[in-house]
C-alpha atoms as a PDB file:
ATOM      1  CA  UNK A   1      19.214 -11.249  -6.961  1.00  0.00           C
ATOM      2  CA  UNK A   2      16.667 -11.953  -9.723  1.00  0.00           C
ATOM      3  CA  UNK A   3      15.444  -8.861 -11.598  1.00  0.00           C
ATOM      4  CA  UNK A   4      11.721  -8.590 -10.770  1.00  0.00           C
ATOM      5  CA  UNK A   5       9.201  -8.904 -13.605  1.00  0.00           C
ATOM      6  CA  UNK A   6       6.310  -7.585 -11.514  1.00  0.00           C
ATOM      7  CA  UNK A   7       6.006  -5.033  -8.725  1.00  0.00           C
ATOM      8  CA  UNK A   8       3.130  -5.338  -6.236  1.00  0.00           C
ATOM      9  CA  UNK A   9       2.581  -1.954  -4.611  1.00  0.00           C
ATOM     10  CA  UNK A  10       0.823  -1.244  -1.379  1.00  0.00           C
ATOM     11  CA  UNK A  11      -1.588   1.631  -1.993  1.00  0.00           C
ATOM     12  CA  UNK A  12      -2.120   3.704   1.142  1.00  0.00           C
ATOM     13  CA  UNK A  13       0.995   5.569   2.230  1.00  0.00           C
ATOM     14  CA  UNK A  14       3.022   4.198  -0.685  1.00  0.00           C
ATOM     15  CA  UNK A  15       1.445   5.292  -3.974  1.00  0.00           C
ATOM     16  CA  UNK A  16      -0.750   7.720  -2.059  1.00  0.00           C
ATOM     17  CA  UNK A  17      -0.127  10.365   0.531  1.00  0.00           C
ATOM     18  CA  UNK A  18      -0.466   9.109   4.120  1.00  0.00           C
ATOM     19  CA  UNK A  19      -4.010   8.766   5.388  1.00  0.00           C
ATOM     20  CA  UNK A  20      -5.203  11.930   7.042  1.00  0.00           C
ATOM     21  CA  UNK A  21      -6.164  11.371  10.669  1.00  0.00           C
ATOM     22  CA  UNK A  22      -9.229  13.393  11.702  1.00  0.00           C
ATOM     23  CA  UNK A  23      -8.670  16.021  14.358  1.00  0.00           C
ATOM     24  CA  UNK A  24     -10.332  15.530  17.755  1.00  0.00           C
ATOM     25  CA  UNK A  25     -12.852  18.306  17.070  1.00  0.00           C
ATOM     26  CA  UNK A  26     -13.697  16.765  13.718  1.00  0.00           C
ATOM     27  CA  UNK A  27     -14.350  13.373  15.372  1.00  0.00           C
ATOM     28  CA  UNK A  28     -16.500  15.056  18.002  1.00  0.00           C
ATOM     29  CA  UNK A  29     -18.645  16.842  15.412  1.00  0.00           C
ATOM     30  CA  UNK A  30     -19.052  13.626  13.455  1.00  0.00           C
ATOM     31  CA  UNK A  31     -20.208  11.691  16.538  1.00  0.00           C
ATOM     32  CA  UNK A  32     -22.605  14.502  17.463  1.00  0.00           C
ATOM     33  CA  UNK A  33     -24.040  14.468  13.937  1.00  0.00           C
ATOM     34  CA  UNK A  34     -24.698  10.731  14.121  1.00  0.00           C
ATOM     35  CA  UNK A  35     -26.196  11.037  17.589  1.00  0.00           C
ATOM     36  CA  UNK A  36     -28.573  13.757  16.388  1.00  0.00           C
ATOM     37  CA  UNK A  37     -29.787  11.208  13.847  1.00  0.00           C
ATOM     38  CA  UNK A  38     -30.431   8.690  16.616  1.00  0.00           C
ATOM     39  CA  UNK A  39     -27.232   6.592  16.434  1.00  0.00           C
ATOM     40  CA  UNK A  40     -26.223   5.990  20.047  1.00  0.00           C
ATOM     41  CA  UNK A  41     -22.565   5.103  19.605  1.00  0.00           C
ATOM     42  CA  UNK A  42     -19.332   6.436  21.047  1.00  0.00           C
ATOM     43  CA  UNK A  43     -16.130   7.014  19.054  1.00  0.00           C
ATOM     44  CA  UNK A  44     -14.426   3.770  20.169  1.00  0.00           C
ATOM     45  CA  UNK A  45     -17.484   1.680  19.329  1.00  0.00           C
ATOM     46  CA  UNK A  46     -17.902   3.317  15.936  1.00  0.00           C
ATOM     47  CA  UNK A  47     -14.220   2.889  15.025  1.00  0.00           C
ATOM     48  CA  UNK A  48     -14.239  -0.773  16.073  1.00  0.00           C
ATOM     49  CA  UNK A  49     -17.406  -1.510  14.102  1.00  0.00           C
ATOM     50  CA  UNK A  50     -16.185   0.257  10.956  1.00  0.00           C
ATOM     51  CA  UNK A  51     -12.855  -1.607  11.069  1.00  0.00           C
ATOM     52  CA  UNK A  52     -14.549  -4.959  11.658  1.00  0.00           C
ATOM     53  CA  UNK A  53     -16.998  -4.433   8.824  1.00  0.00           C
ATOM     54  CA  UNK A  54     -14.370  -3.074   6.410  1.00  0.00           C
ATOM     55  CA  UNK A  55     -11.529  -5.519   7.099  1.00  0.00           C
ATOM     56  CA  UNK A  56     -13.380  -8.674   8.221  1.00  0.00           C
ATOM     57  CA  UNK A  57     -16.950  -8.819   6.934  1.00  0.00           C
ATOM     58  CA  UNK A  58     -16.311  -7.012   3.658  1.00  0.00           C
ATOM     59  CA  UNK A  59     -13.818  -9.643   2.412  1.00  0.00           C
ATOM     60  CA  UNK A  60     -15.635 -12.638   3.935  1.00  0.00           C
ATOM     61  CA  UNK A  61     -19.030 -11.671   2.550  1.00  0.00           C
ATOM     62  CA  UNK A  62     -17.611 -10.314  -0.714  1.00  0.00           C
ATOM     63  CA  UNK A  63     -19.375  -6.950  -0.533  1.00  0.00           C
ATOM     64  CA  UNK A  64     -19.566  -5.389  -3.996  1.00  0.00           C
ATOM     65  CA  UNK A  65     -20.953  -1.958  -3.109  1.00  0.00           C
ATOM     66  CA  UNK A  66     -20.555   0.789  -0.554  1.00  0.00           C
ATOM     67  CA  UNK A  67     -24.202   0.407   0.361  1.00  0.00           C
ATOM     68  CA  UNK A  68     -23.649  -3.206   1.470  1.00  0.00           C
ATOM     69  CA  UNK A  69     -20.781  -2.069   3.679  1.00  0.00           C
ATOM     70  CA  UNK A  70     -22.838   0.766   5.174  1.00  0.00           C
ATOM     71  CA  UNK A  71     -25.768  -1.508   6.020  1.00  0.00           C
ATOM     72  CA  UNK A  72     -23.346  -3.929   7.698  1.00  0.00           C
ATOM     73  CA  UNK A  73     -21.916  -1.125   9.840  1.00  0.00           C
ATOM     74  CA  UNK A  74     -25.407  -0.078  10.871  1.00  0.00           C
ATOM     75  CA  UNK A  75     -26.320  -3.698  11.656  1.00  0.00           C
ATOM     76  CA  UNK A  76     -23.241  -4.140  13.862  1.00  0.00           C
ATOM     77  CA  UNK A  77     -24.147  -0.942  15.705  1.00  0.00           C
ATOM     78  CA  UNK A  78     -27.623  -2.360  16.319  1.00  0.00           C
ATOM     79  CA  UNK A  79     -29.260   0.649  14.682  1.00  0.00           C
ATOM     80  CA  UNK A  80     -31.734   1.196  11.878  1.00  0.00           C
ATOM     81  CA  UNK A  81     -30.489   2.890   8.707  1.00  0.00           C
ATOM     82  CA  UNK A  82     -32.061   6.144   7.573  1.00  0.00           C
ATOM     83  CA  UNK A  83     -30.904   7.662   4.295  1.00  0.00           C
ATOM     84  CA  UNK A  84     -29.327  10.519   6.240  1.00  0.00           C
ATOM     85  CA  UNK A  85     -27.259   8.140   8.386  1.00  0.00           C
ATOM     86  CA  UNK A  86     -26.105   6.282   5.280  1.00  0.00           C
ATOM     87  CA  UNK A  87     -24.976   9.560   3.715  1.00  0.00           C
ATOM     88  CA  UNK A  88     -23.044  10.578   6.837  1.00  0.00           C
ATOM     89  CA  UNK A  89     -21.212   7.247   7.012  1.00  0.00           C
ATOM     90  CA  UNK A  90     -20.601   7.255   3.257  1.00  0.00           C
ATOM     91  CA  UNK A  91     -18.905  10.649   3.483  1.00  0.00           C
ATOM     92  CA  UNK A  92     -16.739   9.419   6.377  1.00  0.00           C
ATOM     93  CA  UNK A  93     -15.509   6.400   4.417  1.00  0.00           C
ATOM     94  CA  UNK A  94     -14.864   8.348   1.221  1.00  0.00           C
ATOM     95  CA  UNK A  95     -12.888  10.955   3.168  1.00  0.00           C
ATOM     96  CA  UNK A  96     -10.643   8.137   4.432  1.00  0.00           C
ATOM     97  CA  UNK A  97      -9.375   7.454   0.906  1.00  0.00           C
ATOM     98  CA  UNK A  98      -6.086   9.357   0.491  1.00  0.00           C
ATOM     99  CA  UNK A  99      -4.911  11.152  -2.647  1.00  0.00           C
ATOM    100  CA  UNK A 100      -2.271   9.870  -5.058  1.00  0.00           C
ATOM    101  CA  UNK A 101       1.200  11.323  -4.704  1.00  0.00           C
ATOM    102  CA  UNK A 102       2.095  13.763  -7.461  1.00  0.00           C
ATOM    103  CA  UNK A 103       5.097  11.604  -8.389  1.00  0.00           C
ATOM    104  CA  UNK A 104       3.200   8.299  -8.664  1.00  0.00           C
ATOM    105  CA  UNK A 105       2.501   8.286 -12.404  1.00  0.00           C
ATOM    106  CA  UNK A 106       6.059   9.288 -13.297  1.00  0.00           C
ATOM    107  CA  UNK A 107       7.481   6.457 -11.189  1.00  0.00           C
ATOM    108  CA  UNK A 108       5.142   3.905 -12.749  1.00  0.00           C
ATOM    109  CA  UNK A 109       6.088   5.207 -16.188  1.00  0.00           C
ATOM    110  CA  UNK A 110       9.771   4.611 -15.459  1.00  0.00           C
ATOM    111  CA  UNK A 111       9.096   1.049 -14.335  1.00  0.00           C
ATOM    112  CA  UNK A 112       7.153   0.421 -17.530  1.00  0.00           C
ATOM    113  CA  UNK A 113      10.227   1.490 -19.522  1.00  0.00           C
ATOM    114  CA  UNK A 114      12.156  -1.256 -17.696  1.00  0.00           C
ATOM    115  CA  UNK A 115       9.542  -3.765 -18.870  1.00  0.00           C
ATOM    116  CA  UNK A 116       8.200  -4.224 -15.341  1.00  0.00           C
ATOM    117  CA  UNK A 117       4.472  -4.712 -14.713  1.00  0.00           C
ATOM    118  CA  UNK A 118       3.025  -2.615 -11.872  1.00  0.00           C
ATOM    119  CA  UNK A 119       0.147  -3.986  -9.793  1.00  0.00           C
ATOM    120  CA  UNK A 120      -1.564  -2.917  -6.570  1.00  0.00           C
ATOM    121  CA  UNK A 121      -2.613  -4.904  -3.493  1.00  0.00           C
ATOM    122  CA  UNK A 122      -4.740  -2.877  -1.096  1.00  0.00           C
ATOM    123  CA  UNK A 123      -6.864  -3.293   2.018  1.00  0.00           C
ATOM    124  CA  UNK A 124      -9.619  -1.186   0.465  1.00  0.00           C
ATOM    125  CA  UNK A 125     -12.428  -2.880  -1.503  1.00  0.00           C
ATOM    126  CA  UNK A 126     -12.713  -2.005  -5.179  1.00  0.00           C
ATOM    127  CA  UNK A 127     -15.823   0.149  -4.738  1.00  0.00           C
ATOM    128  CA  UNK A 128     -13.871   2.599  -2.573  1.00  0.00           C
ATOM    129  CA  UNK A 129     -11.015   3.057  -5.068  1.00  0.00           C
ATOM    130  CA  UNK A 130     -12.934   3.505  -8.343  1.00  0.00           C
ATOM    131  CA  UNK A 131     -11.796   7.072  -8.958  1.00  0.00           C
ATOM    132  CA  UNK A 132      -8.171   6.268  -8.173  1.00  0.00           C
ATOM    133  CA  UNK A 133      -8.192   3.199 -10.430  1.00  0.00           C
ATOM    134  CA  UNK A 134      -9.639   5.275 -13.259  1.00  0.00           C
ATOM    135  CA  UNK A 135      -6.896   7.852 -12.739  1.00  0.00           C
ATOM    136  CA  UNK A 136      -4.201   5.151 -12.965  1.00  0.00           C
ATOM    137  CA  UNK A 137      -5.576   3.437 -16.071  1.00  0.00           C
ATOM    138  CA  UNK A 138      -2.595   2.526 -18.256  1.00  0.00           C
ATOM    139  CA  UNK A 139      -0.189   2.695 -15.305  1.00  0.00           C
ATOM    140  CA  UNK A 140      -1.437  -0.178 -13.129  1.00  0.00           C
ATOM    141  CA  UNK A 141      -2.071  -3.495 -14.857  1.00  0.00           C
ATOM    142  CA  UNK A 142      -4.008  -5.230 -12.082  1.00  0.00           C
ATOM    143  CA  UNK A 143      -5.594  -4.353  -8.745  1.00  0.00           C
ATOM    144  CA  UNK A 144      -6.122  -6.811  -5.912  1.00  0.00           C
ATOM    145  CA  UNK A 145      -8.297  -6.317  -2.850  1.00  0.00           C
ATOM    146  CA  UNK A 146      -9.520  -8.573  -0.020  1.00  0.00           C
ATOM    147  CA  UNK A 147     -12.916  -8.983  -1.681  1.00  0.00           C
ATOM    148  CA  UNK A 148     -11.201 -10.749  -4.605  1.00  0.00           C
ATOM    149  CA  UNK A 149     -10.193 -13.657  -2.391  1.00  0.00           C
ATOM    150  CA  UNK A 150     -12.498 -13.540   0.629  1.00  0.00           C
ATOM    151  CA  UNK A 151      -9.847 -12.675   3.221  1.00  0.00           C
ATOM    152  CA  UNK A 152      -7.716  -9.646   4.205  1.00  0.00           C
ATOM    153  CA  UNK A 153      -4.305  -8.685   2.862  1.00  0.00           C
ATOM    154  CA  UNK A 154      -2.383 -10.249   5.759  1.00  0.00           C
ATOM    155  CA  UNK A 155      -3.943 -13.699   5.226  1.00  0.00           C
ATOM    156  CA  UNK A 156      -1.322 -16.355   4.337  1.00  0.00           C
ATOM    157  CA  UNK A 157      -3.108 -17.142   1.058  1.00  0.00           C
ATOM    158  CA  UNK A 158      -3.419 -13.547  -0.148  1.00  0.00           C
ATOM    159  CA  UNK A 159      -0.028 -13.200  -1.857  1.00  0.00           C
ATOM    160  CA  UNK A 160       0.073 -16.771  -3.227  1.00  0.00           C
ATOM    161  CA  UNK A 161      -3.268 -16.084  -4.925  1.00  0.00           C
ATOM    162  CA  UNK A 162      -1.748 -13.003  -6.554  1.00  0.00           C
ATOM    163  CA  UNK A 163       1.294 -14.953  -7.725  1.00  0.00           C
ATOM    164  CA  UNK A 164      -1.031 -17.584  -9.165  1.00  0.00           C
ATOM    165  CA  UNK A 165      -3.189 -15.027 -10.963  1.00  0.00           C
ATOM    166  CA  UNK A 166      -0.156 -13.251 -12.407  1.00  0.00           C
ATOM    167  CA  UNK A 167       1.430 -16.584 -13.359  1.00  0.00           C
ATOM    168  CA  UNK A 168       4.660 -15.567 -11.723  1.00  0.00           C
ATOM    169  CA  UNK A 169       7.034 -17.018  -9.158  1.00  0.00           C
ATOM    170  CA  UNK A 170       7.455 -15.186  -5.821  1.00  0.00           C
ATOM    171  CA  UNK A 171      11.177 -14.598  -6.471  1.00  0.00           C
ATOM    172  CA  UNK A 172      10.306 -12.732  -9.686  1.00  0.00           C
ATOM    173  CA  UNK A 173       7.954 -10.410  -7.793  1.00  0.00           C
ATOM    174  CA  UNK A 174       8.886  -7.309  -5.796  1.00  0.00           C
ATOM    175  CA  UNK A 175       6.496  -6.214  -3.018  1.00  0.00           C
ATOM    176  CA  UNK A 176       6.800  -2.518  -2.148  1.00  0.00           C
ATOM    177  CA  UNK A 177       5.159  -0.797   0.800  1.00  0.00           C
ATOM    178  CA  UNK A 178       5.406   1.062   4.092  1.00  0.00           C
ATOM    179  CA  UNK A 179       4.010  -1.506   6.528  1.00  0.00           C
ATOM    180  CA  UNK A 180       6.790  -3.596   8.094  1.00  0.00           C
ATOM    181  CA  UNK A 181       4.569  -6.626   8.688  1.00  0.00           C
ATOM    182  CA  UNK A 182       2.258  -6.651   5.644  1.00  0.00           C
ATOM    183  CA  UNK A 183       4.676  -5.271   3.035  1.00  0.00           C
ATOM    184  CA  UNK A 184       8.002  -6.625   4.229  1.00  0.00           C
ATOM    185  CA  UNK A 185       8.117  -9.564   6.642  1.00  0.00           C
ATOM    186  CA  UNK A 186       5.089 -11.512   5.358  1.00  0.00           C
ATOM    187  CA  UNK A 187       5.974 -11.170   1.627  1.00  0.00           C
ATOM    188  CA  UNK A 188       9.585 -12.068   2.414  1.00  0.00           C
ATOM    189  CA  UNK A 189       8.417 -15.190   4.229  1.00  0.00           C
ATOM    190  CA  UNK A 190       6.339 -16.035   1.134  1.00  0.00           C
ATOM    191  CA  UNK A 191       9.494 -15.955  -1.008  1.00  0.00           C
ATOM    192  CA  UNK A 192       8.970 -12.590  -2.707  1.00  0.00           C
ATOM    193  CA  UNK A 193      11.509  -9.831  -3.058  1.00  0.00           C
ATOM    194  CA  UNK A 194      10.678  -6.893  -0.788  1.00  0.00           C
ATOM    195  CA  UNK A 195      11.414  -3.189  -0.612  1.00  0.00           C
ATOM    196  CA  UNK A 196      10.393  -1.111   2.386  1.00  0.00           C
ATOM    197  CA  UNK A 197       9.551   2.569   1.851  1.00  0.00           C
ATOM    198  CA  UNK A 198      10.299   4.900   4.752  1.00  0.00           C
ATOM    199  CA  UNK A 199      12.707   5.537   7.609  1.00  0.00           C
ATOM    200  CA  UNK A 200      13.827   2.132   8.868  1.00  0.00           C
ATOM    201  CA  UNK A 201      16.744  -0.168   9.553  1.00  0.00           C
ATOM    202  CA  UNK A 202      15.193  -2.840   7.331  1.00  0.00           C
ATOM    203  CA  UNK A 203      17.159  -3.918   4.285  1.00  0.00           C
ATOM    204  CA  UNK A 204      16.489  -3.368   1.449  1.00  0.00           C
ATOM    205  CA  UNK A 205      14.680  -0.058   1.812  1.00  0.00           C
ATOM    206  CA  UNK A 206      14.340   3.397   0.286  1.00  0.00           C
ATOM    207  CA  UNK A 207      13.237   6.527   2.090  1.00  0.00           C
ATOM    208  CA  UNK A 208      10.777   7.681  -0.593  1.00  0.00           C
ATOM    209  CA  UNK A 209       9.021   6.095  -3.570  1.00  0.00           C
ATOM    210  CA  UNK A 210      10.879   8.494  -5.848  1.00  0.00           C
ATOM    211  CA  UNK A 211      13.981   6.349  -5.214  1.00  0.00           C
ATOM    212  CA  UNK A 212      12.353   3.166  -6.546  1.00  0.00           C
ATOM    213  CA  UNK A 213      13.404   3.586 -10.221  1.00  0.00           C
ATOM    214  CA  UNK A 214      17.002   4.084  -9.089  1.00  0.00           C
ATOM    215  CA  UNK A 215      16.751   0.923  -6.986  1.00  0.00           C
ATOM    216  CA  UNK A 216      15.472  -1.018 -10.028  1.00  0.00           C
ATOM    217  CA  UNK A 217      18.219   0.413 -12.275  1.00  0.00           C
ATOM    218  CA  UNK A 218      20.852  -0.808  -9.803  1.00  0.00           C
ATOM    219  CA  UNK A 219      19.308  -4.293  -9.879  1.00  0.00           C
ATOM    220  CA  UNK A 220      19.430  -4.300 -13.664  1.00  0.00           C
END
């Protein structure tokens, strides 16, 4: 196996803690708050609209700000946007961004010692990860999001565009993540090395990201 020159990390659930799923009561209060502001939408409708706007329209239309995304959500709901509604939706989206794992920086530091470049490919647009990117300055060389290319992370051209930008060959690149389809099977089909993080029968895999430096040392 070729020793990878570059690692492309998934963000959510890999370098960060798993996304927190809102409790039922929390969802109920959120829906009630929106309805008090005149938004007549149920939880399924709201979830579907947010996902469509975030993962389909945001890349296709190259949104560059949270405000653009919020107005698109409101448009898909068929509602008018008051400043209060925008603030409620903004808080919901920002709360969906998970926190970095405490071990993340140490792991990235170890990879840097090996001469390996660390990059990130995430489903979230850049304007939702500003604080996290600032926190990882000096640890992550490049960030890639769907708005960079105009299509989501699972699109067949997403990884090839990253390889092209990094001026690397797929076999010299290691994709690391916790989604079997997006972080393992699709990158493998594209010719990249892969490493699944989590409980699985997939090979190769590690149970936690703390094991990644050891995995790299064994390759070397």
